[in-house]
């Protein structure tokens, strides 16, 4: 009887999905016209709402109410810190600070429940161990969104650090060709994709709408959090204040960044033997000893047993 009920339920769901799909595929006489011949009618709010996924339509109002509560009860300092980290990461997911706080709470609660159930059922632990597992799941779930944001921020900072000398060379060439510094940033941003040139676009736009160039460069430095970029922005601001030639400053900064890059590569190369020591001693050498000395030890043991 249970199997019949379950089969009937899934069959009904299948027919419902087929009907929805067939309804979506119905064509009206206007839909068979050439796209250029169709009237440009604005979609109604109901049509716009129906174009969104079903899960978003069902859970959207509840999620919005939850976000309102989170925004009301969240400490301002926590929201500002999350907002700064999102900006430093480039925020490719278009997240908001309230959404991150809500995700942290939801994932933490879910992780605690899952860890508590795993400790009780599959592992057959006691209540104390289950509570400990739940606390570990709570902490891990609470830190997971922060770990994702921090990982993206570090990746973006590495990309900016690697591309900065090359981009400075292009800026220097553009300025020497007669462009202003703001126009040179726009020109380089058009031809070189990446997070650094995206920041250049933002700086050029802010300067275009009336923001002082020094303030725009300082905001870019705060958004990126890269030490080399801070040195570059400080040098450009000083050149602007003292009236120095920006092309010479860019050339000197590019050369200095290349020297710093070579020094960092040299430091990483010097750390490699220390990093290889642990796997070499505890993983590679024991396997070599087993392969090389193993047959000899077996022969010696057989000879000693035969002599006896």
C-alpha atoms as a PDB file:
ATOM      1  CA  UNK A   1       0.000   0.000   0.000  1.00  0.00           C
ATOM      2  CA  UNK A   2       2.852   2.374   0.868  1.00  0.00           C
ATOM      3  CA  UNK A   3       4.548   1.632  -2.438  1.00  0.00           C
ATOM      4  CA  UNK A   4       1.311   2.410  -4.282  1.00  0.00           C
ATOM      5  CA  UNK A   5       0.927   5.759  -2.497  1.00  0.00           C
ATOM      6  CA  UNK A   6       4.533   6.741  -3.200  1.00  0.00           C
ATOM      7  CA  UNK A   7       4.247   5.689  -6.847  1.00  0.00           C
ATOM      8  CA  UNK A   8       1.025   7.667  -7.265  1.00  0.00           C
ATOM      9  CA  UNK A   9       2.634  10.749  -5.692  1.00  0.00           C
ATOM     10  CA  UNK A  10       5.685  10.699  -7.959  1.00  0.00           C
ATOM     11  CA  UNK A  11       3.512   9.989 -11.004  1.00  0.00           C
ATOM     12  CA  UNK A  12       1.367  13.016 -10.196  1.00  0.00           C
ATOM     13  CA  UNK A  13       4.446  15.190  -9.774  1.00  0.00           C
ATOM     14  CA  UNK A  14       5.775  13.960 -13.122  1.00  0.00           C
ATOM     15  CA  UNK A  15       2.501  14.774 -14.908  1.00  0.00           C
ATOM     16  CA  UNK A  16       2.461  18.198 -13.228  1.00  0.00           C
ATOM     17  CA  UNK A  17       5.965  18.972 -14.459  1.00  0.00           C
ATOM     18  CA  UNK A  18       5.109  17.753 -17.956  1.00  0.00           C
ATOM     19  CA  UNK A  19       2.034  19.989 -17.972  1.00  0.00           C
ATOM     20  CA  UNK A  20       4.021  23.011 -16.831  1.00  0.00           C
ATOM     21  CA  UNK A  21       6.636  22.340 -19.503  1.00  0.00           C
ATOM     22  CA  UNK A  22       3.991  21.980 -22.200  1.00  0.00           C
ATOM     23  CA  UNK A  23       2.336  25.196 -21.058  1.00  0.00           C
ATOM     24  CA  UNK A  24       5.647  27.016 -21.322  1.00  0.00           C
ATOM     25  CA  UNK A  25       6.219  25.687 -24.844  1.00  0.00           C
ATOM     26  CA  UNK A  26       2.870  26.849 -26.231  1.00  0.00           C
ATOM     27  CA  UNK A  27       3.307  29.352 -29.042  1.00  0.00           C
ATOM     28  CA  UNK A  28       0.925  32.161 -29.800  1.00  0.00           C
ATOM     29  CA  UNK A  29       0.549  33.666 -33.300  1.00  0.00           C
ATOM     30  CA  UNK A  30       2.620  36.649 -32.169  1.00  0.00           C
ATOM     31  CA  UNK A  31       5.459  34.377 -31.056  1.00  0.00           C
ATOM     32  CA  UNK A  32       5.766  32.984 -34.599  1.00  0.00           C
ATOM     33  CA  UNK A  33       6.474  36.423 -36.028  1.00  0.00           C
ATOM     34  CA  UNK A  34       9.982  37.561 -36.775  1.00  0.00           C
ATOM     35  CA  UNK A  35      11.543  39.233 -33.715  1.00  0.00           C
ATOM     36  CA  UNK A  36      11.800  42.545 -35.607  1.00  0.00           C
ATOM     37  CA  UNK A  37       8.051  42.439 -36.361  1.00  0.00           C
ATOM     38  CA  UNK A  38       6.979  41.931 -32.754  1.00  0.00           C
ATOM     39  CA  UNK A  39       5.706  44.941 -30.828  1.00  0.00           C
ATOM     40  CA  UNK A  40       8.042  46.067 -28.066  1.00  0.00           C
ATOM     41  CA  UNK A  41       5.651  45.564 -25.156  1.00  0.00           C
ATOM     42  CA  UNK A  42       6.833  46.032 -21.602  1.00  0.00           C
ATOM     43  CA  UNK A  43       6.374  42.887 -19.474  1.00  0.00           C
ATOM     44  CA  UNK A  44       3.924  43.185 -16.622  1.00  0.00           C
ATOM     45  CA  UNK A  45       5.085  42.778 -13.004  1.00  0.00           C
ATOM     46  CA  UNK A  46       3.358  39.401 -12.870  1.00  0.00           C
ATOM     47  CA  UNK A  47       5.296  38.187 -15.926  1.00  0.00           C
ATOM     48  CA  UNK A  48       8.564  39.436 -14.459  1.00  0.00           C
ATOM     49  CA  UNK A  49       7.798  37.619 -11.214  1.00  0.00           C
ATOM     50  CA  UNK A  50       6.927  34.408 -13.050  1.00  0.00           C
ATOM     51  CA  UNK A  51      10.233  34.489 -14.933  1.00  0.00           C
ATOM     52  CA  UNK A  52      12.131  34.027 -11.677  1.00  0.00           C
ATOM     53  CA  UNK A  53      12.922  30.496 -10.465  1.00  0.00           C
ATOM     54  CA  UNK A  54      10.259  28.669  -8.466  1.00  0.00           C
ATOM     55  CA  UNK A  55      12.479  28.377  -5.394  1.00  0.00           C
ATOM     56  CA  UNK A  56      13.095  32.122  -5.397  1.00  0.00           C
ATOM     57  CA  UNK A  57       9.373  32.863  -5.713  1.00  0.00           C
ATOM     58  CA  UNK A  58       8.497  30.525  -2.847  1.00  0.00           C
ATOM     59  CA  UNK A  59      11.314  31.324  -0.431  1.00  0.00           C
ATOM     60  CA  UNK A  60      11.965  34.915  -1.497  1.00  0.00           C
ATOM     61  CA  UNK A  61       9.461  36.656   0.822  1.00  0.00           C
ATOM     62  CA  UNK A  62      10.595  34.613   3.824  1.00  0.00           C
ATOM     63  CA  UNK A  63      14.243  35.313   3.058  1.00  0.00           C
ATOM     64  CA  UNK A  64      13.559  39.045   2.706  1.00  0.00           C
ATOM     65  CA  UNK A  65      11.811  39.130   6.090  1.00  0.00           C
ATOM     66  CA  UNK A  66      14.730  37.261   7.638  1.00  0.00           C
ATOM     67  CA  UNK A  67      17.185  39.739   6.093  1.00  0.00           C
ATOM     68  CA  UNK A  68      15.187  42.630   7.566  1.00  0.00           C
ATOM     69  CA  UNK A  69      15.463  41.056  11.026  1.00  0.00           C
ATOM     70  CA  UNK A  70      19.177  40.417  10.532  1.00  0.00           C
ATOM     71  CA  UNK A  71      19.749  44.004   9.422  1.00  0.00           C
ATOM     72  CA  UNK A  72      17.861  45.283  12.450  1.00  0.00           C
ATOM     73  CA  UNK A  73      19.643  43.183  15.080  1.00  0.00           C
ATOM     74  CA  UNK A  74      23.170  42.970  13.639  1.00  0.00           C
ATOM     75  CA  UNK A  75      25.866  45.126  15.290  1.00  0.00           C
ATOM     76  CA  UNK A  76      27.020  47.938  12.972  1.00  0.00           C
ATOM     77  CA  UNK A  77      30.695  47.101  13.532  1.00  0.00           C
ATOM     78  CA  UNK A  78      30.216  43.514  12.350  1.00  0.00           C
ATOM     79  CA  UNK A  79      28.360  44.658   9.231  1.00  0.00           C
ATOM     80  CA  UNK A  80      31.061  47.199   8.403  1.00  0.00           C
ATOM     81  CA  UNK A  81      33.824  44.603   8.812  1.00  0.00           C
ATOM     82  CA  UNK A  82      32.016  42.147   6.524  1.00  0.00           C
ATOM     83  CA  UNK A  83      31.389  44.917   3.990  1.00  0.00           C
ATOM     84  CA  UNK A  84      35.094  45.808   3.936  1.00  0.00           C
ATOM     85  CA  UNK A  85      36.083  42.174   3.431  1.00  0.00           C
ATOM     86  CA  UNK A  86      33.574  41.828   0.597  1.00  0.00           C
ATOM     87  CA  UNK A  87      34.989  44.924  -1.094  1.00  0.00           C
ATOM     88  CA  UNK A  88      38.536  43.613  -0.665  1.00  0.00           C
ATOM     89  CA  UNK A  89      37.466  40.310  -2.240  1.00  0.00           C
ATOM     90  CA  UNK A  90      35.892  42.114  -5.196  1.00  0.00           C
ATOM     91  CA  UNK A  91      32.492  40.673  -4.221  1.00  0.00           C
ATOM     92  CA  UNK A  92      31.998  38.555  -7.373  1.00  0.00           C
ATOM     93  CA  UNK A  93      28.872  36.995  -5.829  1.00  0.00           C
ATOM     94  CA  UNK A  94      27.176  40.406  -5.299  1.00  0.00           C
ATOM     95  CA  UNK A  95      26.613  39.558  -1.635  1.00  0.00           C
ATOM     96  CA  UNK A  96      25.397  42.031   0.969  1.00  0.00           C
ATOM     97  CA  UNK A  97      26.636  42.132   4.547  1.00  0.00           C
ATOM     98  CA  UNK A  98      23.179  41.169   5.864  1.00  0.00           C
ATOM     99  CA  UNK A  99      23.111  38.173   3.525  1.00  0.00           C
ATOM    100  CA  UNK A 100      26.503  37.036   4.802  1.00  0.00           C
ATOM    101  CA  UNK A 101      25.372  37.302   8.435  1.00  0.00           C
ATOM    102  CA  UNK A 102      22.175  35.397   7.625  1.00  0.00           C
ATOM    103  CA  UNK A 103      24.187  32.731   5.778  1.00  0.00           C
ATOM    104  CA  UNK A 104      26.593  32.413   8.718  1.00  0.00           C
ATOM    105  CA  UNK A 105      23.720  31.861  11.150  1.00  0.00           C
ATOM    106  CA  UNK A 106      21.911  29.414   8.855  1.00  0.00           C
ATOM    107  CA  UNK A 107      24.996  27.348   8.013  1.00  0.00           C
ATOM    108  CA  UNK A 108      26.068  27.303  11.669  1.00  0.00           C
ATOM    109  CA  UNK A 109      22.654  26.043  12.807  1.00  0.00           C
ATOM    110  CA  UNK A 110      22.537  23.424  10.050  1.00  0.00           C
ATOM    111  CA  UNK A 111      26.105  22.296  10.747  1.00  0.00           C
ATOM    112  CA  UNK A 112      25.354  21.921  14.446  1.00  0.00           C
ATOM    113  CA  UNK A 113      22.266  19.796  13.755  1.00  0.00           C
ATOM    114  CA  UNK A 114      24.056  17.589  11.218  1.00  0.00           C
ATOM    115  CA  UNK A 115      27.081  17.062  13.472  1.00  0.00           C
ATOM    116  CA  UNK A 116      24.828  16.312  16.470  1.00  0.00           C
ATOM    117  CA  UNK A 117      22.842  13.740  14.461  1.00  0.00           C
ATOM    118  CA  UNK A 118      26.010  12.107  13.068  1.00  0.00           C
ATOM    119  CA  UNK A 119      27.422  11.735  16.577  1.00  0.00           C
ATOM    120  CA  UNK A 120      24.205  10.203  17.907  1.00  0.00           C
ATOM    121  CA  UNK A 121      23.110   7.898  15.074  1.00  0.00           C
ATOM    122  CA  UNK A 122      25.917   6.652  12.790  1.00  0.00           C
ATOM    123  CA  UNK A 123      28.705   6.907  15.380  1.00  0.00           C
ATOM    124  CA  UNK A 124      26.591   5.854  18.398  1.00  0.00           C
ATOM    125  CA  UNK A 125      28.309   8.316  20.726  1.00  0.00           C
ATOM    126  CA  UNK A 126      26.908   9.571  23.992  1.00  0.00           C
ATOM    127  CA  UNK A 127      25.075  12.815  24.584  1.00  0.00           C
ATOM    128  CA  UNK A 128      28.219  14.630  25.736  1.00  0.00           C
ATOM    129  CA  UNK A 129      30.102  13.682  22.574  1.00  0.00           C
ATOM    130  CA  UNK A 130      27.093  14.642  20.451  1.00  0.00           C
ATOM    131  CA  UNK A 131      26.978  18.081  22.089  1.00  0.00           C
ATOM    132  CA  UNK A 132      30.710  18.485  21.467  1.00  0.00           C
ATOM    133  CA  UNK A 133      30.241  17.477  17.822  1.00  0.00           C
ATOM    134  CA  UNK A 134      27.384  19.964  17.554  1.00  0.00           C
ATOM    135  CA  UNK A 135      29.551  22.782  18.913  1.00  0.00           C
ATOM    136  CA  UNK A 136      32.287  21.922  16.411  1.00  0.00           C
ATOM    137  CA  UNK A 137      29.742  21.929  13.572  1.00  0.00           C
ATOM    138  CA  UNK A 138      28.369  25.237  14.843  1.00  0.00           C
ATOM    139  CA  UNK A 139      31.809  26.878  14.834  1.00  0.00           C
ATOM    140  CA  UNK A 140      32.753  25.411  11.434  1.00  0.00           C
ATOM    141  CA  UNK A 141      29.495  26.510   9.821  1.00  0.00           C
ATOM    142  CA  UNK A 142      29.780  29.987  11.309  1.00  0.00           C
ATOM    143  CA  UNK A 143      33.310  30.453   9.928  1.00  0.00           C
ATOM    144  CA  UNK A 144      32.653  28.966   6.468  1.00  0.00           C
ATOM    145  CA  UNK A 145      31.410  32.181   4.735  1.00  0.00           C
ATOM    146  CA  UNK A 146      34.316  34.137   6.230  1.00  0.00           C
ATOM    147  CA  UNK A 147      36.767  31.532   4.934  1.00  0.00           C
ATOM    148  CA  UNK A 148      35.276  31.755   1.427  1.00  0.00           C
ATOM    149  CA  UNK A 149      35.495  35.558   1.427  1.00  0.00           C
ATOM    150  CA  UNK A 150      39.063  35.562   2.794  1.00  0.00           C
ATOM    151  CA  UNK A 151      40.190  33.012   0.209  1.00  0.00           C
ATOM    152  CA  UNK A 152      38.753  35.116  -2.619  1.00  0.00           C
ATOM    153  CA  UNK A 153      40.383  38.255  -1.178  1.00  0.00           C
ATOM    154  CA  UNK A 154      43.815  36.594  -1.040  1.00  0.00           C
ATOM    155  CA  UNK A 155      43.433  35.333  -4.611  1.00  0.00           C
ATOM    156  CA  UNK A 156      42.487  38.805  -5.814  1.00  0.00           C
ATOM    157  CA  UNK A 157      45.415  40.391  -3.976  1.00  0.00           C
ATOM    158  CA  UNK A 158      47.835  37.935  -5.579  1.00  0.00           C
ATOM    159  CA  UNK A 159      46.436  38.760  -9.024  1.00  0.00           C
ATOM    160  CA  UNK A 160      46.856  42.488  -8.383  1.00  0.00           C
ATOM    161  CA  UNK A 161      50.386  41.995  -7.080  1.00  0.00           C
ATOM    162  CA  UNK A 162      51.452  39.938 -10.101  1.00  0.00           C
ATOM    163  CA  UNK A 163      49.971  42.274 -12.707  1.00  0.00           C
ATOM    164  CA  UNK A 164      51.053  45.584 -11.158  1.00  0.00           C
ATOM    165  CA  UNK A 165      54.557  45.904 -12.783  1.00  0.00           C
ATOM    166  CA  UNK A 166      53.201  45.050 -16.241  1.00  0.00           C
ATOM    167  CA  UNK A 167      50.308  47.497 -15.881  1.00  0.00           C
ATOM    168  CA  UNK A 168      52.667  50.230 -14.682  1.00  0.00           C
ATOM    169  CA  UNK A 169      54.766  49.770 -17.821  1.00  0.00           C
ATOM    170  CA  UNK A 170      51.668  50.252 -19.959  1.00  0.00           C
ATOM    171  CA  UNK A 171      50.707  53.314 -17.930  1.00  0.00           C
ATOM    172  CA  UNK A 172      54.187  54.763 -18.426  1.00  0.00           C
ATOM    173  CA  UNK A 173      54.029  54.186 -22.195  1.00  0.00           C
ATOM    174  CA  UNK A 174      50.568  55.764 -22.400  1.00  0.00           C
ATOM    175  CA  UNK A 175      51.625  58.823 -20.396  1.00  0.00           C
ATOM    176  CA  UNK A 176      54.769  59.270 -22.497  1.00  0.00           C
ATOM    177  CA  UNK A 177      52.568  59.083 -25.604  1.00  0.00           C
ATOM    178  CA  UNK A 178      50.758  62.226 -24.442  1.00  0.00           C
ATOM    179  CA  UNK A 179      47.790  60.943 -22.437  1.00  0.00           C
ATOM    180  CA  UNK A 180      46.939  62.248 -19.006  1.00  0.00           C
ATOM    181  CA  UNK A 181      47.188  59.898 -16.051  1.00  0.00           C
ATOM    182  CA  UNK A 182      43.419  59.460 -15.855  1.00  0.00           C
ATOM    183  CA  UNK A 183      43.121  58.828 -19.611  1.00  0.00           C
ATOM    184  CA  UNK A 184      46.049  56.412 -19.446  1.00  0.00           C
ATOM    185  CA  UNK A 185      44.274  54.400 -16.746  1.00  0.00           C
ATOM    186  CA  UNK A 186      41.155  54.235 -18.896  1.00  0.00           C
ATOM    187  CA  UNK A 187      43.144  53.161 -21.956  1.00  0.00           C
ATOM    188  CA  UNK A 188      45.000  50.421 -20.060  1.00  0.00           C
ATOM    189  CA  UNK A 189      41.768  49.213 -18.466  1.00  0.00           C
ATOM    190  CA  UNK A 190      40.213  48.809 -21.929  1.00  0.00           C
ATOM    191  CA  UNK A 191      42.943  46.439 -23.147  1.00  0.00           C
ATOM    192  CA  UNK A 192      44.063  44.560 -20.011  1.00  0.00           C
ATOM    193  CA  UNK A 193      41.419  42.600 -18.094  1.00  0.00           C
ATOM    194  CA  UNK A 194      41.839  41.881 -14.423  1.00  0.00           C
ATOM    195  CA  UNK A 195      41.016  43.133 -10.932  1.00  0.00           C
ATOM    196  CA  UNK A 196      43.703  45.838 -11.029  1.00  0.00           C
ATOM    197  CA  UNK A 197      42.380  47.410 -14.213  1.00  0.00           C
ATOM    198  CA  UNK A 198      38.851  47.156 -12.804  1.00  0.00           C
ATOM    199  CA  UNK A 199      40.074  49.291  -9.929  1.00  0.00           C
ATOM    200  CA  UNK A 200      41.621  51.692 -12.438  1.00  0.00           C
ATOM    201  CA  UNK A 201      38.229  52.013 -14.126  1.00  0.00           C
ATOM    202  CA  UNK A 202      36.682  52.853 -10.772  1.00  0.00           C
ATOM    203  CA  UNK A 203      39.352  55.481 -10.060  1.00  0.00           C
ATOM    204  CA  UNK A 204      38.948  57.036 -13.518  1.00  0.00           C
ATOM    205  CA  UNK A 205      35.175  57.198 -13.079  1.00  0.00           C
ATOM    206  CA  UNK A 206      35.461  58.804  -9.639  1.00  0.00           C
ATOM    207  CA  UNK A 207      37.907  61.416 -10.952  1.00  0.00           C
ATOM    208  CA  UNK A 208      35.596  62.057 -13.909  1.00  0.00           C
ATOM    209  CA  UNK A 209      32.632  62.875 -11.661  1.00  0.00           C
ATOM    210  CA  UNK A 210      34.679  65.330  -9.609  1.00  0.00           C
ATOM    211  CA  UNK A 211      36.434  63.378  -6.870  1.00  0.00           C
ATOM    212  CA  UNK A 212      40.053  64.439  -6.191  1.00  0.00           C
ATOM    213  CA  UNK A 213      42.571  62.059  -7.675  1.00  0.00           C
ATOM    214  CA  UNK A 214      44.412  61.700  -4.380  1.00  0.00           C
ATOM    215  CA  UNK A 215      41.228  60.599  -2.599  1.00  0.00           C
ATOM    216  CA  UNK A 216      40.302  58.192  -5.404  1.00  0.00           C
ATOM    217  CA  UNK A 217      43.743  56.560  -5.255  1.00  0.00           C
ATOM    218  CA  UNK A 218      43.545  56.318  -1.469  1.00  0.00           C
ATOM    219  CA  UNK A 219      40.146  54.600  -1.712  1.00  0.00           C
ATOM    220  CA  UNK A 220      41.585  52.161  -4.264  1.00  0.00           C
ATOM    221  CA  UNK A 221      44.422  51.375  -1.852  1.00  0.00           C
ATOM    222  CA  UNK A 222      41.924  50.686   0.947  1.00  0.00           C
ATOM    223  CA  UNK A 223      39.768  48.506  -1.306  1.00  0.00           C
ATOM    224  CA  UNK A 224      42.657  46.301  -2.445  1.00  0.00           C
ATOM    225  CA  UNK A 225      44.836  46.015   0.655  1.00  0.00           C
ATOM    226  CA  UNK A 226      48.022  45.310  -1.356  1.00  0.00           C
ATOM    227  CA  UNK A 227      51.287  46.732  -0.025  1.00  0.00           C
ATOM    228  CA  UNK A 228      52.829  47.300  -3.462  1.00  0.00           C
ATOM    229  CA  UNK A 229      49.745  49.178  -4.593  1.00  0.00           C
ATOM    230  CA  UNK A 230      49.926  51.349  -1.470  1.00  0.00           C
ATOM    231  CA  UNK A 231      53.497  52.305  -2.384  1.00  0.00           C
ATOM    232  CA  UNK A 232      52.403  53.146  -5.933  1.00  0.00           C
ATOM    233  CA  UNK A 233      49.474  55.318  -4.833  1.00  0.00           C
ATOM    234  CA  UNK A 234      51.660  57.159  -2.310  1.00  0.00           C
ATOM    235  CA  UNK A 235      54.267  57.881  -5.004  1.00  0.00           C
ATOM    236  CA  UNK A 236      51.634  59.158  -7.448  1.00  0.00           C
ATOM    237  CA  UNK A 237      50.041  61.356  -4.776  1.00  0.00           C
ATOM    238  CA  UNK A 238      53.438  62.797  -3.859  1.00  0.00           C
ATOM    239  CA  UNK A 239      54.270  63.456  -7.517  1.00  0.00           C
ATOM    240  CA  UNK A 240      50.959  65.255  -7.952  1.00  0.00           C
ATOM    241  CA  UNK A 241      51.572  67.346  -4.842  1.00  0.00           C
ATOM    242  CA  UNK A 242      55.147  68.303  -5.803  1.00  0.00           C
ATOM    243  CA  UNK A 243      54.463  68.740  -9.512  1.00  0.00           C
ATOM    244  CA  UNK A 244      56.839  65.990 -10.667  1.00  0.00           C
ATOM    245  CA  UNK A 245      56.621  64.216 -14.011  1.00  0.00           C
ATOM    246  CA  UNK A 246      54.269  61.265 -13.656  1.00  0.00           C
ATOM    247  CA  UNK A 247      56.040  59.253 -16.377  1.00  0.00           C
ATOM    248  CA  UNK A 248      59.332  59.221 -14.455  1.00  0.00           C
ATOM    249  CA  UNK A 249      57.511  58.221 -11.282  1.00  0.00           C
ATOM    250  CA  UNK A 250      55.775  55.352 -13.068  1.00  0.00           C
ATOM    251  CA  UNK A 251      59.050  54.142 -14.564  1.00  0.00           C
ATOM    252  CA  UNK A 252      60.808  54.182 -11.183  1.00  0.00           C
ATOM    253  CA  UNK A 253      57.885  52.456  -9.477  1.00  0.00           C
ATOM    254  CA  UNK A 254      57.798  49.738 -12.122  1.00  0.00           C
ATOM    255  CA  UNK A 255      61.514  49.056 -11.700  1.00  0.00           C
ATOM    256  CA  UNK A 256      61.218  48.961  -7.916  1.00  0.00           C
ATOM    257  CA  UNK A 257      58.286  46.559  -8.088  1.00  0.00           C
ATOM    258  CA  UNK A 258      60.269  44.265 -10.366  1.00  0.00           C
ATOM    259  CA  UNK A 259      63.125  44.261  -7.862  1.00  0.00           C
ATOM    260  CA  UNK A 260      60.697  43.478  -5.046  1.00  0.00           C
ATOM    261  CA  UNK A 261      59.190  40.702  -7.155  1.00  0.00           C
ATOM    262  CA  UNK A 262      62.612  39.149  -7.768  1.00  0.00           C
ATOM    263  CA  UNK A 263      63.422  39.394  -4.062  1.00  0.00           C
ATOM    264  CA  UNK A 264      60.162  37.658  -3.162  1.00  0.00           C
ATOM    265  CA  UNK A 265      60.904  34.891  -5.665  1.00  0.00           C
ATOM    266  CA  UNK A 266      64.361  34.485  -4.126  1.00  0.00           C
ATOM    267  CA  UNK A 267      62.866  34.242  -0.640  1.00  0.00           C
ATOM    268  CA  UNK A 268      60.336  31.629  -1.767  1.00  0.00           C
ATOM    269  CA  UNK A 269      63.146  29.623  -3.375  1.00  0.00           C
ATOM    270  CA  UNK A 270      65.124  29.703  -0.114  1.00  0.00           C
ATOM    271  CA  UNK A 271      62.105  28.369   1.803  1.00  0.00           C
ATOM    272  CA  UNK A 272      61.618  25.376  -0.495  1.00  0.00           C
ATOM    273  CA  UNK A 273      64.289  23.107   1.131  1.00  0.00           C
ATOM    274  CA  UNK A 274      62.757  23.670   4.570  1.00  0.00           C
ATOM    275  CA  UNK A 275      59.288  22.865   3.271  1.00  0.00           C
ATOM    276  CA  UNK A 276      60.558  19.710   1.546  1.00  0.00           C
ATOM    277  CA  UNK A 277      62.279  18.424   4.700  1.00  0.00           C
ATOM    278  CA  UNK A 278      59.196  16.953   6.366  1.00  0.00           C
ATOM    279  CA  UNK A 279      57.819  14.965   3.375  1.00  0.00           C
ATOM    280  CA  UNK A 280      61.351  13.906   2.431  1.00  0.00           C
ATOM    281  CA  UNK A 281      62.206  12.503   5.875  1.00  0.00           C
ATOM    282  CA  UNK A 282      58.856  10.990   6.826  1.00  0.00           C
ATOM    283  CA  UNK A 283      57.399   9.949   3.448  1.00  0.00           C
ATOM    284  CA  UNK A 284      60.009   9.557   0.695  1.00  0.00           C
ATOM    285  CA  UNK A 285      63.054   8.206   2.563  1.00  0.00           C
ATOM    286  CA  UNK A 286      61.155   5.407   4.391  1.00  0.00           C
ATOM    287  CA  UNK A 287      59.741   4.203   1.071  1.00  0.00           C
ATOM    288  CA  UNK A 288      63.229   4.251  -0.480  1.00  0.00           C
ATOM    289  CA  UNK A 289      64.650   2.303   2.461  1.00  0.00           C
ATOM    290  CA  UNK A 290      61.925  -0.320   2.105  1.00  0.00           C
ATOM    291  CA  UNK A 291      62.525  -0.661  -1.653  1.00  0.00           C
ATOM    292  CA  UNK A 292      66.344  -0.717  -1.450  1.00  0.00           C
ATOM    293  CA  UNK A 293      67.018  -2.506   1.842  1.00  0.00           C
ATOM    294  CA  UNK A 294      63.904  -4.681   1.962  1.00  0.00           C
ATOM    295  CA  UNK A 295      65.119  -7.446  -0.400  1.00  0.00           C
ATOM    296  CA  UNK A 296      68.559  -7.482   1.246  1.00  0.00           C
ATOM    297  CA  UNK A 297      67.036  -7.880   4.698  1.00  0.00           C
ATOM    298  CA  UNK A 298      64.828 -10.701   3.442  1.00  0.00           C
ATOM    299  CA  UNK A 299      67.864 -12.505   1.969  1.00  0.00           C
ATOM    300  CA  UNK A 300      69.850 -12.058   5.181  1.00  0.00           C
ATOM    301  CA  UNK A 301      66.992 -13.391   7.284  1.00  0.00           C
ATOM    302  CA  UNK A 302      66.585 -16.405   4.991  1.00  0.00           C
ATOM    303  CA  UNK A 303      70.323 -17.116   5.130  1.00  0.00           C
ATOM    304  CA  UNK A 304      70.314 -16.972   8.925  1.00  0.00           C
ATOM    305  CA  UNK A 305      67.295 -19.288   9.093  1.00  0.00           C
ATOM    306  CA  UNK A 306      68.971 -21.735   6.651  1.00  0.00           C
ATOM    307  CA  UNK A 307      72.202 -21.702   8.659  1.00  0.00           C
ATOM    308  CA  UNK A 308      70.319 -22.662  11.771  1.00  0.00           C
END
